[in-house]
Protein backbone atom coordinates (compact mmCIF):
# COMPACT_ATOMS: atom_id res chain seq x y z
CA MET A 1 114.02 52.97 -24.50
CA SER A 2 115.06 56.24 -22.91
CA PHE A 3 113.72 58.11 -25.91
CA ILE A 4 110.32 56.50 -25.56
CA SER A 5 110.17 57.40 -21.86
CA ASN A 6 110.98 61.02 -22.62
CA LEU A 7 108.26 61.10 -25.27
CA ASP A 8 105.66 59.79 -22.79
CA PHE A 9 106.66 62.36 -20.22
CA PHE A 10 106.38 65.11 -22.78
CA SER A 11 102.88 63.93 -23.76
CA PHE A 12 101.82 63.87 -20.14
CA VAL A 13 103.10 67.41 -19.57
CA LEU A 14 101.37 68.61 -22.73
CA GLY A 15 98.01 67.04 -21.67
CA ALA A 16 98.24 68.46 -18.18
CA SER A 17 98.96 71.91 -19.58
CA PHE A 18 95.91 71.66 -21.82
CA VAL A 19 93.68 70.65 -18.91
CA LEU A 20 95.08 73.51 -16.81
CA LEU A 21 94.37 75.99 -19.62
CA VAL A 22 90.79 74.75 -19.92
CA PHE A 23 90.28 75.03 -16.14
CA LEU A 24 91.73 78.57 -16.12
CA PHE A 25 89.46 79.55 -19.01
CA CYS A 26 86.34 78.20 -17.26
CA TRP A 27 87.33 79.86 -13.98
CA ASN A 28 87.84 83.22 -15.71
CA PHE A 29 84.52 82.82 -17.55
CA LEU A 30 82.58 82.08 -14.35
CA GLN A 31 84.35 84.90 -12.54
CA ALA A 32 83.47 87.29 -15.37
CA ARG A 33 79.80 86.18 -15.31
CA THR A 34 79.65 86.64 -11.54
CA GLN A 35 81.27 90.06 -11.77
CA GLU A 36 78.82 91.01 -14.53
CA LYS A 37 75.81 90.04 -12.37
CA ILE A 38 77.27 91.95 -9.43
CA ASN A 39 77.73 95.00 -11.65
CA GLN A 40 74.12 94.68 -12.84
CA LEU A 41 72.86 94.49 -9.25
CA ARG A 42 74.99 97.46 -8.27
CA PHE A 43 73.72 99.38 -11.29
CA SER A 44 70.05 98.60 -10.46
CA PHE A 45 70.65 99.55 -6.82
CA GLU A 46 72.27 102.82 -7.87
CA GLN A 47 69.31 103.53 -10.17
CA GLU A 48 66.90 102.82 -7.33
CA GLU A 49 68.95 105.03 -5.02
CA LYS A 50 68.90 107.77 -7.63
CA LEU A 51 65.11 107.52 -7.97
CA LYS A 52 64.65 107.63 -4.21
CA LYS A 53 66.90 110.68 -3.96
CA GLN A 54 64.84 112.33 -6.71
CA GLU A 55 61.71 111.47 -4.75
CA ILE A 56 63.27 112.95 -1.61
CA SER A 57 64.22 116.05 -3.54
CA HIS A 58 60.68 116.27 -4.91
CA LEU A 59 59.23 115.94 -1.41
CA GLN A 60 61.57 118.63 -0.14
CA GLU A 61 60.58 120.90 -2.99
CA LYS A 62 56.92 120.13 -2.35
CA GLY A 63 57.41 120.92 1.34
CA ARG A 64 59.02 124.24 0.44
CA LEU A 65 56.18 125.12 -1.95
CA SER A 66 53.62 124.13 0.70
CA LEU A 67 55.43 126.32 3.23
CA GLN A 68 55.47 129.27 0.83
CA LYS A 69 51.76 128.82 0.10
CA GLU A 70 50.85 128.68 3.77
CA GLN A 71 53.03 131.73 4.51
CA LEU A 72 51.25 133.69 1.76
CA GLU A 73 47.88 132.71 3.16
CA SER A 74 48.96 133.63 6.69
CA MET A 75 49.56 137.24 5.57
CA HIS A 76 45.78 137.67 5.28
CA SER A 77 45.34 137.00 8.99
CA LEU A 78 47.57 139.25 11.07
CA HIS A 79 46.05 138.17 14.34
CA LYS A 80 47.04 134.51 13.84
CA GLN A 81 50.24 135.06 11.86
CA LYS A 82 52.67 134.12 14.60
CA THR A 83 50.78 130.96 15.57
CA GLU A 84 50.43 129.77 11.97
CA GLN A 85 54.12 130.35 11.26
CA GLU A 86 55.05 128.31 14.29
CA LEU A 87 52.78 125.49 13.11
CA LEU A 88 54.30 125.64 9.64
CA LEU A 89 57.79 125.49 11.06
CA ASP A 90 56.84 122.49 13.17
CA LYS A 91 55.39 120.74 10.11
CA LEU A 92 58.48 121.53 8.03
CA GLN A 93 60.79 120.30 10.76
CA LEU A 94 58.74 117.12 11.02
CA GLN A 95 58.92 116.63 7.23
CA GLU A 96 62.67 117.24 7.21
CA LYS A 97 63.07 114.80 10.10
CA ARG A 98 61.11 112.14 8.19
CA LEU A 99 63.17 112.79 5.04
CA LYS A 100 66.40 112.39 6.99
CA GLU A 101 65.11 109.16 8.48
CA LYS A 102 64.29 107.89 4.98
CA GLU A 103 67.77 108.84 3.77
CA GLN A 104 69.30 106.99 6.70
CA GLN A 105 67.17 103.94 5.94
CA ILE A 106 68.28 104.05 2.30
CA ASP A 107 71.94 104.31 3.33
CA GLN A 108 71.55 101.40 5.74
CA GLU A 109 69.86 99.24 3.10
CA LYS A 110 72.60 100.19 0.65
CA LYS A 111 75.33 99.17 3.09
CA LYS A 112 73.53 95.91 3.86
CA LEU A 113 73.21 95.08 0.17
CA ILE A 114 76.85 95.90 -0.56
CA THR A 115 77.93 93.75 2.40
CA LEU A 116 75.74 90.93 1.15
CA LEU A 117 77.15 91.20 -2.37
CA GLU A 118 80.74 91.22 -1.13
CA LYS A 119 80.07 88.30 1.20
CA HIS A 120 78.50 86.12 -1.47
CA ALA A 121 80.53 87.25 -4.47
CA SER A 122 82.17 83.84 -4.78
CA ALA A 123 78.92 81.93 -4.19
CA PRO A 124 76.75 80.59 -7.03
CA LEU A 125 74.57 83.27 -8.60
CA GLU A 126 71.35 81.25 -8.22
CA GLN A 127 71.91 80.93 -4.45
CA LEU A 128 72.44 84.68 -4.12
CA ILE A 129 69.26 85.50 -6.05
CA GLN A 130 67.28 82.99 -3.97
CA LYS A 131 68.43 84.57 -0.69
CA VAL A 132 67.46 88.05 -1.90
CA ALA A 133 64.04 86.77 -2.98
CA GLU A 134 63.48 85.03 0.37
CA LYS A 135 64.34 88.19 2.26
CA GLU A 136 61.94 90.23 0.14
CA LEU A 137 59.16 87.66 0.64
CA GLN A 138 59.68 87.70 4.41
CA ALA A 139 59.43 91.50 4.48
CA LYS A 140 56.18 91.39 2.47
CA LYS A 141 54.70 88.81 4.86
CA GLN A 142 55.53 90.97 7.87
CA LEU A 143 53.95 94.02 6.24
CA ALA A 144 50.83 92.03 5.30
CA GLN A 145 50.49 90.72 8.87
CA ILE A 146 50.72 94.26 10.27
CA GLU A 147 48.00 95.46 7.88
CA LEU A 148 45.84 92.43 8.74
CA ASN A 149 46.11 93.16 12.46
CA GLN A 150 45.16 96.79 11.87
CA LEU A 151 42.13 95.73 9.80
CA GLU A 152 41.00 93.30 12.52
CA GLN A 153 41.25 96.01 15.17
CA GLU A 154 39.35 98.49 13.01
CA SER A 155 36.66 95.88 12.21
CA ALA A 156 36.20 94.99 15.89
CA GLN A 157 35.95 98.67 16.84
CA ARG A 158 33.46 99.34 14.03
CA ALA A 159 31.31 96.34 15.04
CA GLN A 160 31.28 97.52 18.65
CA ASN A 161 30.33 101.07 17.68
CA LEU A 162 27.64 99.74 15.33
CA LEU A 163 25.99 97.65 18.06
CA LEU A 164 26.20 100.45 20.62
CA SER A 165 24.73 102.94 18.15
CA ALA A 166 21.86 100.56 17.31
CA LEU A 167 21.08 100.03 20.99
CA GLU A 168 21.25 103.74 21.87
CA ARG A 169 18.80 104.69 19.12
CA ALA A 170 16.36 101.87 19.94
CA SER A 171 16.24 101.88 23.72
CA LEU A 172 12.70 101.64 25.06
CA PRO A 173 11.50 101.76 28.66
CA THR A 174 11.45 98.34 30.30
CA THR A 175 7.95 97.33 31.34
CA ARG A 176 6.69 94.35 33.31
CA ASP A 177 3.07 93.42 32.83
CA SER A 178 0.93 93.38 35.96
CA SER A 179 -2.01 91.03 36.35
CA SER A 180 -4.21 93.82 37.76
CA ILE A 181 -5.11 97.44 37.10
CA SER A 182 -6.68 100.02 39.42
CA LEU A 183 -9.20 102.53 38.03
CA PRO A 184 -10.23 105.47 40.29
CA LEU A 185 -13.99 106.01 40.48
CA PRO A 186 -15.25 109.46 39.38
CA HIS A 187 -17.45 109.74 42.50
CA GLU A 188 -18.56 107.61 45.43
CA SER A 189 -22.19 107.34 44.25
CA LEU A 190 -21.08 104.79 41.64
CA ILE A 191 -19.98 102.28 44.28
CA PRO A 192 -23.46 100.92 45.17
CA GLN A 193 -24.53 101.03 41.52
CA LEU A 194 -21.46 99.08 40.45
CA ILE A 195 -22.01 96.46 43.13
CA GLY A 196 -25.74 96.15 42.43
CA LYS A 197 -28.39 94.32 44.38
CA GLU A 198 -26.76 91.42 46.23
CA GLY A 199 -23.64 91.99 44.11
CA LYS A 200 -25.31 90.89 40.85
CA THR A 201 -24.03 93.82 38.75
CA ILE A 202 -20.34 93.38 39.54
CA ARG A 203 -20.63 89.58 39.16
CA ARG A 204 -22.18 90.08 35.73
CA PHE A 205 -19.32 92.42 34.90
CA GLU A 206 -16.89 89.64 35.83
CA GLU A 207 -18.79 87.00 33.83
CA LEU A 208 -18.96 89.07 30.64
CA MET A 209 -15.31 90.19 30.75
CA GLY A 210 -13.75 87.04 32.21
CA VAL A 211 -11.94 88.97 34.93
CA SER A 212 -12.00 89.42 38.69
CA ALA A 213 -13.38 92.80 39.83
CA LYS A 214 -13.31 94.29 43.31
CA ILE A 215 -14.04 97.72 44.75
CA ASP A 216 -11.46 99.20 47.11
CA GLU A 217 -13.45 101.60 49.28
CA SER A 218 -10.30 102.95 50.96
CA THR A 219 -8.93 104.32 47.65
CA LYS A 220 -12.33 104.66 45.91
CA SER A 221 -11.16 102.61 42.97
CA LEU A 222 -12.13 99.56 40.89
CA LEU A 223 -9.52 96.77 40.90
CA ILE A 224 -9.59 94.53 37.78
CA SER A 225 -7.45 91.37 37.85
CA SER A 226 -6.72 88.77 35.15
CA PHE A 227 -3.69 87.00 33.74
CA ASN A 228 -5.19 87.55 30.27
CA GLY A 229 -4.08 91.00 29.14
CA LYS A 230 -6.68 91.17 26.38
CA ARG A 231 -9.53 90.57 28.84
CA ARG A 232 -8.07 93.18 31.21
CA ALA A 233 -8.04 95.73 28.37
CA GLN A 234 -11.64 94.97 27.41
CA ALA A 235 -12.74 95.20 31.05
CA GLU A 236 -10.95 98.55 31.34
CA MET A 237 -12.82 99.84 28.26
CA LEU A 238 -16.13 98.68 29.73
CA ALA A 239 -15.36 100.31 33.10
CA HIS A 240 -14.58 103.67 31.45
CA ALA A 241 -17.79 103.42 29.41
CA LEU A 242 -19.78 102.80 32.60
CA PHE A 243 -18.09 105.72 34.35
CA GLU A 244 -18.97 108.03 31.45
CA SER A 245 -22.60 106.89 31.40
CA GLY A 246 -23.07 107.97 35.03
CA LYS A 247 -25.65 105.24 35.59
CA ILE A 248 -24.87 101.58 36.13
CA SER A 249 -27.34 98.72 36.01
CA LEU A 250 -27.41 95.10 34.94
CA LYS A 251 -28.83 95.92 31.49
CA ILE A 252 -26.45 98.84 30.93
CA VAL A 253 -23.48 96.58 31.74
CA GLU A 254 -24.68 93.97 29.22
CA ASP A 255 -25.37 96.53 26.47
CA LEU A 256 -22.04 98.31 26.91
CA ALA A 257 -20.18 94.98 27.07
CA ALA A 258 -21.57 94.03 23.64
CA GLN A 259 -20.57 97.44 22.30
CA VAL A 260 -17.04 97.11 23.74
CA GLU A 261 -16.56 93.77 21.99
CA LYS A 262 -17.53 95.36 18.66
CA ASN A 263 -15.27 98.39 19.18
CA PHE A 264 -12.30 96.41 20.46
CA GLU A 265 -11.37 95.14 16.98
CA THR A 266 -11.33 98.74 15.74
CA ARG A 267 -9.08 99.66 18.63
CA LEU A 268 -6.72 96.81 17.73
CA GLN A 269 -6.57 98.02 14.13
CA GLN A 270 -5.73 101.55 15.31
CA MET A 271 -3.04 100.29 17.68
CA GLY A 272 -1.50 98.13 14.97
CA GLN A 273 -1.59 100.97 12.43
CA LYS A 274 0.10 103.36 14.86
CA THR A 275 2.86 100.82 15.50
CA ALA A 276 3.39 100.32 11.76
CA ASP A 277 3.43 104.08 11.12
CA ASP A 278 5.97 104.67 13.90
CA LEU A 279 8.32 102.15 12.26
CA GLY A 280 7.58 103.32 8.70
CA VAL A 281 6.30 99.96 7.45
CA GLN A 282 3.06 98.79 5.83
CA LEU A 283 0.98 95.82 7.02
CA PRO A 284 -2.28 94.15 5.89
CA LYS A 285 -5.35 94.61 8.13
CA SER A 286 -5.28 90.98 9.25
CA VAL A 287 -1.72 91.46 10.51
CA LEU A 288 -2.36 94.87 12.12
CA SER A 289 -4.80 93.47 14.69
CA GLN A 290 -2.47 90.55 15.43
CA VAL A 291 0.42 92.97 16.01
CA ALA A 292 -1.73 94.96 18.44
CA GLU A 293 -2.60 91.78 20.33
CA MET A 294 1.07 91.44 21.27
CA GLU A 295 0.41 94.31 23.69
CA PHE A 296 -1.49 91.80 25.86
CA TYR A 297 1.27 89.18 25.99
CA SER A 298 4.55 89.03 27.87
CA SER A 299 7.66 86.88 27.78
CA PHE A 300 9.78 86.56 30.93
CA GLY A 301 8.02 89.68 32.28
CA GLN A 302 8.88 91.70 29.16
CA ASN A 303 5.95 93.21 27.23
CA LEU A 304 5.83 91.38 23.89
CA LEU A 305 4.87 94.39 21.74
CA LEU A 306 7.52 96.68 23.26
CA HIS A 307 10.10 93.91 22.87
CA SER A 308 9.11 93.42 19.20
CA ILE A 309 9.28 97.18 18.50
CA GLU A 310 12.72 97.33 20.10
CA VAL A 311 13.94 94.36 18.04
CA ALA A 312 12.57 96.06 14.91
CA GLN A 313 14.41 99.30 15.72
CA ILE A 314 17.69 97.53 16.48
CA ALA A 315 17.46 95.42 13.31
CA GLN A 316 16.60 98.50 11.24
CA ASN A 317 19.53 100.50 12.65
CA LEU A 318 21.95 97.63 12.05
CA SER A 319 20.71 97.11 8.49
CA LEU A 320 21.07 100.81 7.67
CA GLU A 321 24.63 100.80 9.00
CA LEU A 322 25.38 97.76 6.81
CA LYS A 323 23.68 99.26 3.71
CA LEU A 324 20.86 96.66 3.77
CA ASP A 325 17.07 96.98 3.46
CA GLY A 326 15.99 98.77 6.65
CA LYS A 327 12.24 98.35 6.12
CA LYS A 328 12.56 94.62 5.52
CA ALA A 329 14.63 94.22 8.68
CA ALA A 330 12.11 96.31 10.65
CA LEU A 331 9.23 94.11 9.45
CA MET A 332 11.07 90.94 10.43
CA GLY A 333 11.90 92.35 13.85
CA LEU A 334 8.37 93.57 14.54
CA LEU A 335 6.77 90.26 13.51
CA HIS A 336 9.37 87.78 14.80
CA ASP A 337 7.28 86.80 17.88
CA ILE A 338 3.81 87.17 16.37
CA GLY A 339 3.37 83.39 16.55
CA LYS A 340 3.11 83.68 20.34
CA THR A 341 -0.31 85.33 19.91
CA ILE A 342 -1.66 82.40 17.86
CA LEU A 343 -2.93 79.42 19.85
CA ASN A 344 -1.25 76.40 18.31
CA GLU A 345 0.64 73.63 20.08
CA THR A 346 1.73 71.70 17.00
CA SER A 347 4.82 73.77 16.27
CA SER A 348 7.11 76.49 17.63
CA HIS A 349 5.99 80.11 17.64
CA ALA A 350 8.60 81.01 15.01
CA LEU A 351 7.27 78.50 12.47
CA ILE A 352 3.64 79.30 13.33
CA GLY A 353 4.29 83.01 12.83
CA ALA A 354 6.02 82.38 9.48
CA GLN A 355 3.06 80.30 8.27
CA PHE A 356 0.61 83.03 9.32
CA LEU A 357 2.61 85.72 7.48
CA ARG A 358 2.79 83.63 4.28
CA LYS A 359 -1.01 83.33 4.29
CA ALA A 360 -1.27 87.09 4.91
CA GLY A 361 0.79 87.72 1.75
CA LEU A 362 3.91 89.29 3.25
CA GLY A 363 6.28 87.26 1.10
CA GLU A 364 8.81 84.49 1.62
CA ASP A 365 11.67 86.75 2.74
CA ILE A 366 9.70 88.14 5.72
CA ALA A 367 8.36 84.69 6.61
CA ASN A 368 11.87 83.22 6.48
CA GLY A 369 13.22 86.00 8.73
CA VAL A 370 10.57 85.14 11.33
CA ALA A 371 11.03 81.36 11.03
CA ALA A 372 14.84 81.63 11.29
CA HIS A 373 15.11 83.85 14.37
CA HIS A 374 15.62 80.80 16.62
CA ARG A 375 17.72 79.05 13.93
CA GLU A 376 15.11 76.35 13.33
CA VAL A 377 15.57 77.04 9.61
CA ALA A 378 18.44 78.63 7.72
CA PRO A 379 18.19 82.40 7.01
CA LYS A 380 17.94 83.23 3.32
CA THR A 381 18.71 86.97 3.42
CA PRO A 382 21.26 89.15 5.23
CA GLU A 383 18.39 90.95 7.00
CA ALA A 384 17.14 87.62 8.39
CA ARG A 385 20.54 87.02 9.97
CA LEU A 386 20.21 90.29 11.91
CA ILE A 387 16.99 89.27 13.71
CA PRO A 388 18.56 86.74 16.17
CA ILE A 389 21.20 89.38 16.99
CA ALA A 390 18.62 92.11 17.60
CA ASP A 391 16.43 89.69 19.60
CA ALA A 392 19.35 88.72 21.84
CA LEU A 393 20.36 92.37 22.33
CA SER A 394 16.83 93.35 23.37
CA ALA A 395 16.53 90.44 25.79
CA SER A 396 20.00 90.97 27.26
CA ILE A 397 19.40 94.56 28.40
CA PRO A 398 19.60 94.51 32.23
CA GLY A 399 16.13 94.45 33.76
CA ALA A 400 14.36 93.68 30.49
CA ARG A 401 13.37 90.18 31.54
CA LEU A 402 12.41 88.94 34.95
CA VAL A 403 13.69 85.39 35.43
CA SER A 404 15.40 84.10 38.57
CA LEU A 405 18.30 81.66 38.57
CA GLU A 406 16.31 79.19 40.65
CA GLU A 407 13.50 79.20 38.07
CA LEU A 408 15.93 78.51 35.23
CA GLN A 409 17.60 75.68 37.13
CA ALA A 410 14.28 74.08 38.05
CA ARG A 411 13.04 74.42 34.47
CA SER A 412 16.18 72.85 32.98
CA GLN A 413 16.15 69.98 35.48
CA ALA A 414 12.48 69.19 34.77
CA ILE A 415 13.08 69.13 31.01
CA GLU A 416 16.15 66.89 31.33
CA GLU A 417 14.33 64.44 33.62
CA THR A 418 11.42 64.22 31.18
CA ALA A 419 13.62 63.68 28.11
CA ILE A 420 15.86 61.00 29.70
CA GLN A 421 12.83 58.70 30.10
CA PHE A 422 12.55 58.17 26.33
CA PRO A 423 14.15 54.98 24.94
CA GLY A 424 17.42 55.39 23.08
CA ILE A 425 18.56 58.49 25.00
CA LEU A 426 21.83 58.09 26.90
CA GLN A 427 22.00 61.62 28.33
CA ALA A 428 20.07 64.91 28.11
CA TYR A 429 21.09 68.41 29.11
CA CYS A 430 19.63 71.91 28.65
CA GLN A 431 21.23 75.13 27.51
CA ASP A 432 20.09 78.76 27.21
CA GLY A 433 17.89 78.59 30.29
CA GLY A 434 16.01 75.55 29.03
CA LYS A 435 15.38 76.88 25.52
CA THR A 436 17.63 74.29 23.85
CA LEU A 437 17.68 70.59 24.70
CA HIS A 438 20.66 68.47 23.61
CA LEU A 439 20.26 64.70 23.47
CA ILE A 440 23.10 62.16 23.42
CA LEU A 441 21.81 58.93 21.90
CA LYS A 442 22.91 55.38 22.53
CA PRO A 443 25.02 53.72 19.80
CA ASP A 444 22.15 51.46 18.75
CA ALA A 445 19.77 54.44 18.31
CA LYS A 446 21.58 56.31 15.53
CA GLU A 447 18.48 56.24 13.34
CA LEU A 448 16.85 58.76 15.70
CA VAL A 449 19.34 61.51 14.80
CA ASN A 450 17.22 62.82 11.91
CA ASP A 451 13.85 61.58 13.18
CA GLU A 452 11.70 64.74 13.40
CA GLY A 453 8.77 62.76 14.78
CA PHE A 454 10.92 61.62 17.71
CA LYS A 455 11.90 65.22 18.46
CA ARG A 456 8.29 66.36 18.23
CA GLN A 457 7.26 63.59 20.63
CA ILE A 458 9.75 64.87 23.20
CA PHE A 459 8.59 68.45 22.60
CA ASN A 460 4.93 67.57 23.21
CA SER A 461 5.81 65.73 26.42
CA ILE A 462 6.97 68.95 28.11
CA PRO A 463 3.88 71.19 28.53
CA SER A 464 5.77 73.94 30.34
CA ILE A 465 7.75 74.91 27.25
CA LYS A 466 5.15 74.75 24.50
CA ASN A 467 4.62 78.52 24.44
CA LEU A 468 8.33 79.41 24.63
CA SER A 469 11.26 79.46 22.19
CA PHE A 470 12.34 75.83 21.94
CA GLN A 471 14.33 73.56 19.68
CA VAL A 472 15.62 70.00 20.03
CA ALA A 473 19.16 69.21 18.92
CA THR A 474 20.36 65.58 18.81
CA ASN A 475 23.98 64.47 19.02
CA VAL A 476 25.49 60.97 18.97
């Protein structure tokens, strides 16, 4: 019995020894693997350190060669030798300072890595590699964020400079159209002739030209008044023709008036051609006269032709800075408000102008740029996207447009009160000085959201805005 017990004890001791040997073997194997990985990391770090030292040595050698080259060149200029040597010494000292800083950074990184290896030598290898990878990823993210911030700052600065440059090169004098013009008479003897017997001659002048004409005897001048700029221009042409004739009678006024009407179209063609030549663009004859007619229109006190030329110049400058088609942008800018010269109350001036230009054969791109400048349709080209920007820049120049705050408030209130009377509208409010009307519909009127006829009905109910930039946006 005692023998059997001793045999069992011996077996137990033998088994435990075997297990202990296996454990010691596995422990030594894992420790050897870990030490091998540590040696590999140390070897790669030493290689990297060696390469960086070689790079530092190369930079130092390059700095020395650069210094020698600059010293040789400085010998050819005795007058500036001392100054150039001082500059070279400063540069060399700066390079050496930067090299020392890099060496210190390398030493610090080396110490950090050695500390990390010693700290985690007993940890699993996968965990150590993961921590190193996470640290590297974090450093890359920080560097990418710094570069992104620098790019955003540079982009914002470039955009600001681009807009300022476009405005500086396109600035035109601000003009406000007057409803009257004063023409000095060549001599006093024309006063009774111009008035005529019982005032018949000057009344006939007014009837033929559609203006109001008065003679100011204190200043010896003829005062022509009309809210229609085209009629004022024709009356001015007729007055100059009468002054040149030296004799004024009822028949002469009628004959010269007929001649002025015939010559006025030629004058419009010449004005339109000059505008196109100044901008370096080409236009059909039918469009040239329509462009010239913008001279006789105004928007918020701003002369329509001068505003259109300024928009064309700004758009052209912006497109050239952005490597786009400058002539296409100039055409869009010049013609963007041409619809205001066409009498049509069925649509907005942007869409009317685009339709007119399509019929004139200017192409879909130009027509789309005109139609999209109030975002009633989507722009199809990059140049078309510049027109609303150029239009807003021209209109936002201080003093360019003459509109009081009270007028804008009264206009917006009148539009809102008119729109709220339509069924299905819960609330209406204006934005952009009454140019945009937003409608909030009742829940049971959702079908009106995309109803263009409903929007057009509201548009036609507000006569005061038919000749202005206007769009109706609906929101539920």
